[in-house]
Amino acid sequence: MLKNYLLISVVIGIFVYAITSIAAEMPDGFAVWSEGNSTARTIMMRTLKSDGTMGTPVKVVEKGNKGGDISNQISFDGKWLAFARSLGANSGHGGDDYHDWAKWDVYIARLDGNYPTTAIKVGHGYWPSWGEDSYNAKKTLYFSTQDPKWTISKVTIDENGLVEGSTEVAALPKISGYKGHMMMAPNGKFMACRAVQSVYLEFFEDWMGQKAGSTIEIAGGCHPSICADSRWVIHAGSTVARVGQKGTKLAKSGPYHFGTSQDLGWFVTQIGGGARSQNNAHKIYLHPVKIKGEEGNKHFNDEGSFSSGDFVPYGNGVLLTSGGSSPDVHVNIDHPTPVIKPAGKTLMSAMNAKIELMPHRLIVTKNFSEPTHVSVFDLVGKQIGAFNIEQGLTNTLEFNQKLSNGFYYIRFNSASGQNIVRKMVGR
């Protein structure tokens, strides 16, 4: 009888696990967060797989000895993590209260080696954010300082973790009232900050319909997080805003900590947090994110005229941990924007090619100067099809499956394999 009971239990367990794995929607990639509270807060990482399974959480770095590590930000190539380490709060919070502005140092740590790895100090500051060049070997890292004055600085990080230069690039906007939490956009064209009880954006260059030198309020709240395309801001109060627009409430979002993948297809959020304990541990969930526009659901980095209300997390979400904060997520896919390395005739031609993506075929119109390999991938990196362009103005690739509405990567490789251009297109 006992044996039968154990057998039934095992079968039920396998069945439940299988259903959970099938039901869970996840990318191939990994997530990071800060596990625990106060001085015990430690950065953890776990792998994610598109089959719905997750790896066992591993410690990224040994925690700081005076407080917790928070404000985790993954570089867009997935190789480095930037975070803030508490210096010890006078009030004894141990890093629980994110209002202890001047009591943090910024560090980086490798994410593509053995764990736990070694933390490398960048400088005194808070709220790190990677530049849009963080796909490259040499990367820009921004961070804010509140001691002795409120500024945003930038440094460069090479592939070995060497920190070079430290240049002030922005100061606190001239807005009356209490201020805090300054974060630079990846493209360096604007910053987000909290003033009084609202989130403001200050623009250094023309962007998204806003003029250089302008400052706008996007919504009530604090704790802003700017997405990788520099077009969306998520912030406390469970609010999302298209840059240059007013924000709207975001379903399935927690009140404070957020993160989005570099391909803008995935969203992580912490469910919970108090007014003076924003960094305390709570449940963290992963959601897929899409835009609900006139033509149905679209991947939300579309350049179309979407409003904040079109930002739609869907699905029930995947629980990553029951006791974490400061989450971020990375997807293992190719760079989603066009890159030339090095610039060649074929690749320059590919940049100007006319690309038509149909339900059953891809049509590329351009006279290439040398043989070029073209491949098509979906947003989780699965190859849909590939073909070679030998010569001629029009080249057609027929698919074995019908493509759904959405976005896909088109990759061009020269015959030598040295030159690559990647374009993201939608249908």
Protein backbone atom coordinates (compact mmCIF):
# COMPACT_ATOMS: atom_id res chain seq x y z
CA MET A 1 0.00 0.00 0.00
CA LEU A 2 2.79 2.36 0.91
CA LYS A 3 4.61 1.55 -2.34
CA ASN A 4 1.43 2.25 -4.34
CA TYR A 5 0.99 5.55 -2.50
CA LEU A 6 4.57 6.56 -3.20
CA LEU A 7 4.22 5.60 -6.86
CA ILE A 8 1.01 7.65 -7.19
CA SER A 9 2.72 10.59 -5.45
CA VAL A 10 5.68 10.46 -7.81
CA VAL A 11 3.41 10.24 -10.86
CA ILE A 12 1.31 13.18 -9.64
CA GLY A 13 4.48 15.14 -8.89
CA ILE A 14 5.86 14.55 -12.38
CA PHE A 15 2.48 15.46 -13.92
CA VAL A 16 2.25 18.72 -11.93
CA TYR A 17 5.87 19.59 -12.80
CA ALA A 18 5.22 18.94 -16.49
CA ILE A 19 2.09 21.11 -16.50
CA THR A 20 3.92 23.88 -14.64
CA SER A 21 6.80 23.74 -17.10
CA ILE A 22 4.51 23.83 -20.12
CA ALA A 23 2.32 26.61 -18.70
CA ALA A 24 5.22 28.87 -17.71
CA GLU A 25 6.25 31.31 -20.42
CA MET A 26 9.91 32.26 -20.16
CA PRO A 27 12.80 33.28 -22.40
CA ASP A 28 16.19 31.63 -22.66
CA GLY A 29 18.24 33.86 -20.39
CA PHE A 30 18.66 34.63 -16.70
CA ALA A 31 17.39 36.88 -13.92
CA VAL A 32 19.15 38.52 -10.99
CA TRP A 33 17.85 39.97 -7.74
CA SER A 34 18.91 40.80 -4.18
CA GLU A 35 17.85 38.04 -1.77
CA GLY A 36 17.07 38.73 1.88
CA ASN A 37 16.94 41.81 4.08
CA SER A 38 19.20 44.38 5.69
CA THR A 39 22.87 43.40 6.08
CA ALA A 40 22.11 39.86 4.80
CA ARG A 41 20.94 41.06 1.39
CA THR A 42 22.87 39.11 -1.30
CA ILE A 43 22.72 39.19 -5.11
CA MET A 44 21.47 35.94 -6.65
CA MET A 45 21.09 34.72 -10.24
CA ARG A 46 19.15 31.88 -11.85
CA THR A 47 18.97 30.70 -15.45
CA LEU A 48 15.69 30.68 -17.39
CA LYS A 49 14.73 28.36 -20.24
CA SER A 50 12.01 28.69 -22.86
CA ASP A 51 10.76 25.20 -21.95
CA GLY A 52 9.50 26.69 -18.66
CA THR A 53 12.27 25.41 -16.38
CA MET A 54 14.66 27.40 -14.20
CA GLY A 55 18.09 26.71 -12.77
CA THR A 56 18.91 26.66 -9.05
CA PRO A 57 19.70 30.19 -7.74
CA VAL A 58 23.43 30.88 -7.33
CA LYS A 59 25.25 33.64 -5.47
CA VAL A 60 26.75 36.21 -7.86
CA VAL A 61 29.09 37.97 -5.39
CA GLU A 62 29.75 37.87 -1.65
CA LYS A 63 27.64 40.54 0.02
CA GLY A 64 29.01 43.77 1.38
CA ASN A 65 29.96 43.70 5.06
CA LYS A 66 28.10 46.86 6.07
CA GLY A 67 24.80 46.35 4.30
CA GLY A 68 22.95 44.84 1.39
CA ASP A 69 23.59 45.05 -2.35
CA ILE A 70 20.74 46.47 -4.44
CA SER A 71 19.86 48.39 -7.63
CA ASN A 72 20.91 45.55 -9.95
CA GLN A 73 21.38 46.40 -13.65
CA ILE A 74 22.51 43.86 -16.30
CA SER A 75 24.55 45.12 -19.27
CA PHE A 76 22.79 44.60 -22.60
CA ASP A 77 25.24 41.88 -23.66
CA GLY A 78 24.57 40.02 -20.40
CA LYS A 79 28.23 39.94 -19.35
CA TRP A 80 28.29 42.46 -16.50
CA LEU A 81 26.15 43.42 -13.53
CA ALA A 82 26.20 46.90 -12.00
CA PHE A 83 24.82 47.39 -8.50
CA ALA A 84 24.91 49.63 -5.42
CA ARG A 85 26.49 48.47 -2.15
CA SER A 86 25.43 49.99 1.17
CA LEU A 87 28.05 51.79 3.26
CA GLY A 88 25.86 51.38 6.36
CA ALA A 89 22.97 53.71 7.13
CA ASN A 90 23.13 56.00 10.16
CA SER A 91 19.56 55.06 11.00
CA GLY A 92 20.51 51.37 11.10
CA HIS A 93 18.47 50.39 8.03
CA GLY A 94 21.31 48.33 6.57
CA GLY A 95 20.26 49.35 3.09
CA ASP A 96 16.51 48.79 3.60
CA ASP A 97 15.57 52.42 2.97
CA TYR A 98 16.38 53.68 -0.50
CA HIS A 99 16.15 57.28 0.74
CA ASP A 100 19.64 56.97 2.27
CA TRP A 101 20.90 58.61 -0.90
CA ALA A 102 24.54 59.28 -0.03
CA LYS A 103 25.31 55.96 1.66
CA TRP A 104 26.16 53.76 -1.33
CA ASP A 105 29.04 52.83 -3.63
CA VAL A 106 28.62 51.49 -7.18
CA TYR A 107 30.23 48.16 -8.13
CA ILE A 108 30.32 45.86 -11.14
CA ALA A 109 30.70 42.06 -11.35
CA ARG A 110 31.08 39.60 -14.24
CA LEU A 111 28.09 37.45 -15.16
CA ASP A 112 29.72 35.04 -17.62
CA GLY A 113 32.13 33.10 -15.40
CA ASN A 114 32.31 31.10 -12.18
CA TYR A 115 30.31 32.17 -9.13
CA PRO A 116 30.62 33.81 -6.72
CA THR A 117 32.75 36.28 -8.64
CA THR A 118 34.71 39.34 -7.50
CA ALA A 119 33.05 42.73 -7.16
CA ILE A 120 34.91 45.69 -8.70
CA LYS A 121 34.37 49.16 -7.24
CA VAL A 122 33.42 51.87 -9.73
CA GLY A 123 32.99 54.85 -7.41
CA HIS A 124 30.85 56.54 -4.79
CA GLY A 125 27.26 56.72 -6.02
CA TYR A 126 23.88 55.14 -6.53
CA TRP A 127 21.33 54.07 -9.21
CA PRO A 128 23.67 52.67 -11.91
CA SER A 129 22.41 52.32 -15.50
CA TRP A 130 24.13 51.01 -18.63
CA GLY A 131 24.53 52.99 -21.83
CA GLU A 132 23.09 51.71 -25.09
CA ASP A 133 26.65 50.76 -26.10
CA SER A 134 26.76 48.04 -23.43
CA TYR A 135 26.46 45.43 -26.19
CA ASN A 136 30.07 46.31 -27.01
CA ALA A 137 33.35 45.23 -25.38
CA LYS A 138 33.81 48.78 -24.01
CA LYS A 139 30.68 50.02 -22.26
CA THR A 140 29.32 53.21 -20.75
CA LEU A 141 28.03 53.06 -17.18
CA TYR A 142 26.08 55.96 -15.64
CA PHE A 143 25.46 56.46 -11.92
CA SER A 144 24.24 59.25 -9.68
CA THR A 145 25.89 60.83 -6.67
CA GLN A 146 24.28 62.78 -3.86
CA ASP A 147 27.40 63.65 -1.87
CA PRO A 148 28.51 66.40 -1.81
CA LYS A 149 26.24 67.46 -4.71
CA TRP A 150 23.55 65.85 -6.86
CA THR A 151 24.99 64.83 -10.22
CA ILE A 152 25.09 61.99 -12.76
CA SER A 153 28.50 60.75 -13.84
CA LYS A 154 29.64 58.28 -16.48
CA VAL A 155 32.60 55.94 -16.79
CA THR A 156 33.70 53.38 -19.36
CA ILE A 157 34.15 49.70 -18.53
CA ASP A 158 36.35 47.54 -20.76
CA GLU A 159 36.00 43.78 -21.31
CA ASN A 160 38.34 43.08 -18.37
CA GLY A 161 36.45 45.28 -15.94
CA LEU A 162 38.90 48.20 -16.07
CA VAL A 163 37.10 51.39 -15.04
CA GLU A 164 38.24 54.46 -16.96
CA GLY A 165 37.38 58.12 -16.54
CA SER A 166 34.65 59.73 -14.48
CA THR A 167 32.84 62.62 -16.10
CA GLU A 168 29.87 64.57 -14.74
CA VAL A 169 27.20 64.66 -17.43
CA ALA A 170 24.11 65.99 -15.63
CA ALA A 171 22.99 67.87 -12.53
CA LEU A 172 19.76 67.81 -10.56
CA PRO A 173 16.94 69.60 -12.43
CA LYS A 174 15.92 73.00 -11.15
CA ILE A 175 12.59 71.85 -9.74
CA SER A 176 11.37 73.05 -6.37
CA GLY A 177 10.78 70.59 -3.54
CA TYR A 178 12.29 67.37 -2.23
CA LYS A 179 14.33 65.44 -4.81
CA GLY A 180 15.95 62.04 -5.19
CA HIS A 181 16.62 59.00 -7.38
CA MET A 182 18.41 60.25 -10.51
CA MET A 183 18.77 57.75 -13.37
CA MET A 184 20.21 58.31 -16.86
CA ALA A 185 18.55 56.90 -19.98
CA PRO A 186 20.65 54.39 -21.97
CA ASN A 187 20.90 56.77 -24.95
CA GLY A 188 22.13 59.60 -22.67
CA LYS A 189 19.50 62.02 -23.99
CA PHE A 190 17.50 62.46 -20.79
CA MET A 191 17.39 61.56 -17.13
CA ALA A 192 14.58 60.64 -14.74
CA CYS A 193 14.34 61.84 -11.16
CA ARG A 194 11.90 62.17 -8.32
CA ALA A 195 10.86 65.65 -7.17
CA VAL A 196 8.37 66.07 -4.33
CA GLN A 197 5.93 63.17 -5.06
CA SER A 198 6.28 62.98 -8.85
CA VAL A 199 8.63 61.63 -11.52
CA TYR A 200 10.19 64.17 -13.87
CA LEU A 201 12.25 63.79 -17.05
CA GLU A 202 14.92 66.33 -18.02
CA PHE A 203 16.07 66.30 -21.65
CA PHE A 204 19.64 67.05 -22.78
CA GLU A 205 18.91 66.45 -26.48
CA ASP A 206 15.74 66.46 -28.59
CA TRP A 207 13.96 63.14 -28.04
CA MET A 208 10.46 61.70 -28.38
CA GLY A 209 8.92 65.05 -29.22
CA GLN A 210 10.63 66.87 -26.35
CA LYS A 211 13.15 69.67 -26.85
CA ALA A 212 16.62 69.78 -25.32
CA GLY A 213 16.52 71.71 -22.05
CA SER A 214 12.88 70.87 -21.29
CA THR A 215 11.65 69.23 -18.08
CA ILE A 216 8.32 67.41 -17.90
CA GLU A 217 6.30 65.62 -15.22
CA ILE A 218 5.08 62.17 -16.32
CA ALA A 219 3.17 60.94 -13.23
CA GLY A 220 2.99 60.89 -9.47
CA GLY A 221 5.41 58.43 -7.88
CA CYS A 222 9.13 57.74 -7.49
CA HIS A 223 11.77 55.05 -8.14
CA PRO A 224 11.85 55.40 -11.97
CA SER A 225 13.38 52.67 -14.17
CA ILE A 226 14.13 53.49 -17.83
CA CYS A 227 13.83 50.69 -20.40
CA ALA A 228 16.61 49.70 -22.83
CA ASP A 229 15.20 51.57 -25.82
CA SER A 230 14.99 54.84 -23.82
CA ARG A 231 11.29 55.13 -24.79
CA TRP A 232 9.54 53.82 -21.67
CA VAL A 233 9.73 54.62 -17.95
CA ILE A 234 8.28 52.39 -15.23
CA HIS A 235 8.08 53.74 -11.71
CA ALA A 236 6.61 53.36 -8.24
CA GLY A 237 2.87 53.53 -8.02
CA SER A 238 2.72 50.67 -10.57
CA THR A 239 2.84 53.17 -13.41
CA VAL A 240 4.31 53.05 -16.92
CA ALA A 241 4.85 56.06 -19.16
CA ARG A 242 5.82 56.45 -22.80
CA VAL A 243 8.60 59.08 -22.74
CA GLY A 244 6.95 62.42 -23.36
CA GLN A 245 3.50 61.21 -22.27
CA LYS A 246 1.59 60.95 -19.02
CA GLY A 247 1.75 57.57 -17.29
CA THR A 248 -0.99 55.03 -16.69
CA LYS A 249 -1.43 52.28 -14.11
CA LEU A 250 0.34 49.05 -14.95
CA ALA A 251 -1.47 45.78 -14.25
CA LYS A 252 0.44 43.04 -12.37
CA SER A 253 3.15 45.43 -11.21
CA GLY A 254 4.50 45.80 -7.71
CA PRO A 255 4.87 49.19 -6.03
CA TYR A 256 8.64 49.66 -6.28
CA HIS A 257 11.26 47.47 -7.99
CA PHE A 258 11.17 46.79 -11.74
CA GLY A 259 13.36 45.54 -14.56
CA THR A 260 12.95 44.91 -18.29
CA SER A 261 15.01 42.73 -20.62
CA GLN A 262 17.25 44.34 -23.22
CA ASP A 263 14.94 43.13 -26.02
CA LEU A 264 11.99 44.76 -24.19
CA GLY A 265 9.97 41.56 -24.26
CA TRP A 266 10.11 40.65 -20.53
CA PHE A 267 9.30 42.45 -17.30
CA VAL A 268 10.24 41.63 -13.68
CA THR A 269 8.65 43.22 -10.64
CA GLN A 270 8.75 42.97 -6.87
CA ILE A 271 5.32 42.61 -5.24
CA GLY A 272 5.52 44.58 -2.01
CA GLY A 273 7.56 47.21 -0.21
CA GLY A 274 6.90 49.81 2.45
CA ALA A 275 7.50 53.56 2.53
CA ARG A 276 10.76 53.17 4.48
CA SER A 277 11.65 49.59 3.54
CA GLN A 278 11.50 49.61 -0.25
CA ASN A 279 14.48 47.27 -0.49
CA ASN A 280 13.07 44.58 1.80
CA ALA A 281 12.47 41.13 0.34
CA HIS A 282 9.17 40.22 -1.32
CA LYS A 283 7.96 37.94 -4.11
CA ILE A 284 9.40 38.66 -7.57
CA TYR A 285 7.55 37.70 -10.76
CA LEU A 286 8.53 37.53 -14.43
CA HIS A 287 5.96 38.51 -17.10
CA PRO A 288 6.05 38.68 -20.90
CA VAL A 289 5.20 42.18 -22.13
CA LYS A 290 3.51 43.28 -25.31
CA ILE A 291 1.85 46.35 -26.74
CA LYS A 292 -1.84 46.19 -27.54
CA GLY A 293 -2.19 48.48 -30.54
CA GLU A 294 -4.56 48.92 -33.44
CA GLU A 295 -3.20 45.86 -35.24
CA GLY A 296 -3.32 43.55 -32.22
CA ASN A 297 -0.52 42.70 -29.82
CA LYS A 298 2.91 43.97 -30.82
CA HIS A 299 6.30 43.76 -29.19
CA PHE A 300 6.50 47.01 -27.24
CA ASN A 301 9.70 48.44 -28.71
CA ASP A 302 7.73 49.23 -31.87
CA GLU A 303 8.34 52.74 -33.19
CA GLY A 304 4.61 53.27 -33.73
CA SER A 305 2.47 55.89 -32.02
CA PHE A 306 1.58 53.87 -28.94
CA SER A 307 0.35 55.36 -25.71
CA SER A 308 1.17 54.37 -22.15
CA GLY A 309 -2.14 52.56 -21.85
CA ASP A 310 -1.05 50.10 -24.56
CA PHE A 311 1.70 48.60 -22.39
CA VAL A 312 0.26 45.20 -21.45
CA PRO A 313 1.91 42.53 -19.28
CA TYR A 314 0.06 39.27 -19.95
CA GLY A 315 -0.03 35.79 -18.50
CA ASN A 316 0.02 34.86 -14.83
CA GLY A 317 3.73 35.44 -14.40
CA VAL A 318 6.49 33.16 -13.11
CA LEU A 319 7.60 33.33 -9.48
CA LEU A 320 11.39 33.77 -9.44
CA THR A 321 11.83 34.05 -5.66
CA SER A 322 9.71 34.60 -2.56
CA GLY A 323 12.24 36.88 -0.85
CA GLY A 324 13.96 39.37 -3.14
CA SER A 325 14.23 42.95 -4.39
CA SER A 326 15.96 44.92 -7.19
CA PRO A 327 15.32 42.39 -9.99
CA ASP A 328 16.53 42.52 -13.58
CA VAL A 329 16.29 40.06 -16.50
CA HIS A 330 18.39 39.29 -19.59
CA VAL A 331 17.43 37.37 -22.75
CA ASN A 332 20.00 35.35 -24.73
CA ILE A 333 19.42 36.75 -28.22
CA ASP A 334 21.31 38.74 -30.81
CA HIS A 335 21.69 42.49 -30.59
CA PRO A 336 18.26 43.84 -31.66
CA THR A 337 19.51 46.96 -33.45
CA PRO A 338 21.57 47.30 -36.66
CA VAL A 339 25.34 47.00 -36.13
CA ILE A 340 28.17 47.12 -38.67
CA LYS A 341 31.40 45.35 -37.60
CA PRO A 342 33.43 46.26 -39.55
CA ALA A 343 31.73 48.40 -42.22
CA GLY A 344 31.79 46.68 -45.61
CA LYS A 345 30.09 47.23 -48.95
CA THR A 346 27.77 44.28 -48.59
CA LEU A 347 26.69 45.30 -45.15
CA MET A 348 26.12 48.90 -46.10
CA SER A 349 23.96 47.58 -48.92
CA ALA A 350 22.09 45.39 -46.48
CA MET A 351 21.38 48.40 -44.30
CA ASN A 352 19.56 50.04 -47.21
CA ALA A 353 17.81 46.92 -48.45
CA LYS A 354 14.04 46.89 -48.83
CA ILE A 355 12.72 44.13 -46.54
CA GLU A 356 9.18 42.77 -46.85
CA LEU A 357 8.15 40.23 -44.21
CA MET A 358 5.05 38.26 -45.26
CA PRO A 359 3.21 35.46 -43.40
CA HIS A 360 4.97 32.81 -45.53
CA ARG A 361 8.02 34.53 -47.03
CA LEU A 362 10.74 37.16 -46.68
CA ILE A 363 11.52 39.34 -49.73
CA VAL A 364 14.81 41.27 -49.80
CA THR A 365 15.31 43.77 -52.62
CA LYS A 366 18.89 44.99 -53.13
CA ASN A 367 21.80 44.23 -55.46
CA PHE A 368 24.43 42.86 -53.08
CA SER A 369 28.08 43.22 -54.02
CA GLU A 370 29.10 39.79 -52.69
CA PRO A 371 27.39 36.56 -51.56
CA THR A 372 25.45 37.15 -48.35
CA HIS A 373 23.74 34.77 -45.93
CA VAL A 374 20.35 35.91 -44.58
CA SER A 375 18.67 34.33 -41.55
CA VAL A 376 15.45 35.09 -39.67
CA PHE A 377 14.95 34.67 -35.92
CA ASP A 378 12.04 35.22 -33.57
CA LEU A 379 12.41 37.29 -30.40
CA VAL A 380 13.62 34.38 -28.27
CA GLY A 381 16.39 33.54 -30.74
CA LYS A 382 14.76 30.60 -32.57
CA GLN A 383 15.75 30.47 -36.25
CA ILE A 384 12.73 30.58 -38.57
CA GLY A 385 14.62 30.17 -41.82
CA ALA A 386 17.78 31.07 -43.78
CA PHE A 387 18.98 31.45 -47.39
CA ASN A 388 21.93 32.74 -49.43
CA ILE A 389 21.84 35.76 -51.71
CA GLU A 390 24.12 35.23 -54.71
CA GLN A 391 23.16 38.06 -57.04
CA GLY A 392 20.15 39.90 -58.40
CA LEU A 393 17.86 42.61 -57.09
CA THR A 394 15.08 40.51 -55.54
CA ASN A 395 15.63 37.48 -53.32
CA THR A 396 12.84 35.48 -51.68
CA LEU A 397 12.90 33.12 -48.69
CA GLU A 398 9.88 30.82 -48.28
CA PHE A 399 9.00 29.76 -44.72
CA ASN A 400 7.75 26.33 -43.69
CA GLN A 401 5.40 27.93 -41.18
CA LYS A 402 3.10 30.92 -41.11
CA LEU A 403 4.52 33.82 -39.13
CA SER A 404 2.26 35.52 -36.63
CA ASN A 405 2.07 39.29 -36.25
CA GLY A 406 5.04 40.59 -34.30
CA PHE A 407 8.73 41.41 -34.60
CA TYR A 408 11.60 39.35 -35.97
CA TYR A 409 15.36 39.74 -36.39
CA ILE A 410 16.80 39.66 -39.91
CA ARG A 411 20.54 38.94 -39.88
CA PHE A 412 22.88 39.52 -42.83
CA ASN A 413 26.31 37.82 -42.92
CA SER A 414 28.88 38.35 -45.66
CA ALA A 415 30.43 35.30 -47.33
CA SER A 416 33.63 35.82 -45.33
CA GLY A 417 31.66 35.75 -42.10
CA GLN A 418 33.40 38.90 -40.88
CA ASN A 419 30.59 41.40 -41.39
CA ILE A 420 27.20 41.30 -39.74
CA VAL A 421 24.14 43.53 -39.83
CA ARG A 422 21.03 42.80 -37.78
CA LYS A 423 17.70 44.52 -38.37
CA MET A 424 14.49 44.20 -36.39
CA VAL A 425 11.38 44.24 -38.57
CA GLY A 426 7.70 43.76 -37.85
CA ARG A 427 4.67 42.51 -39.71
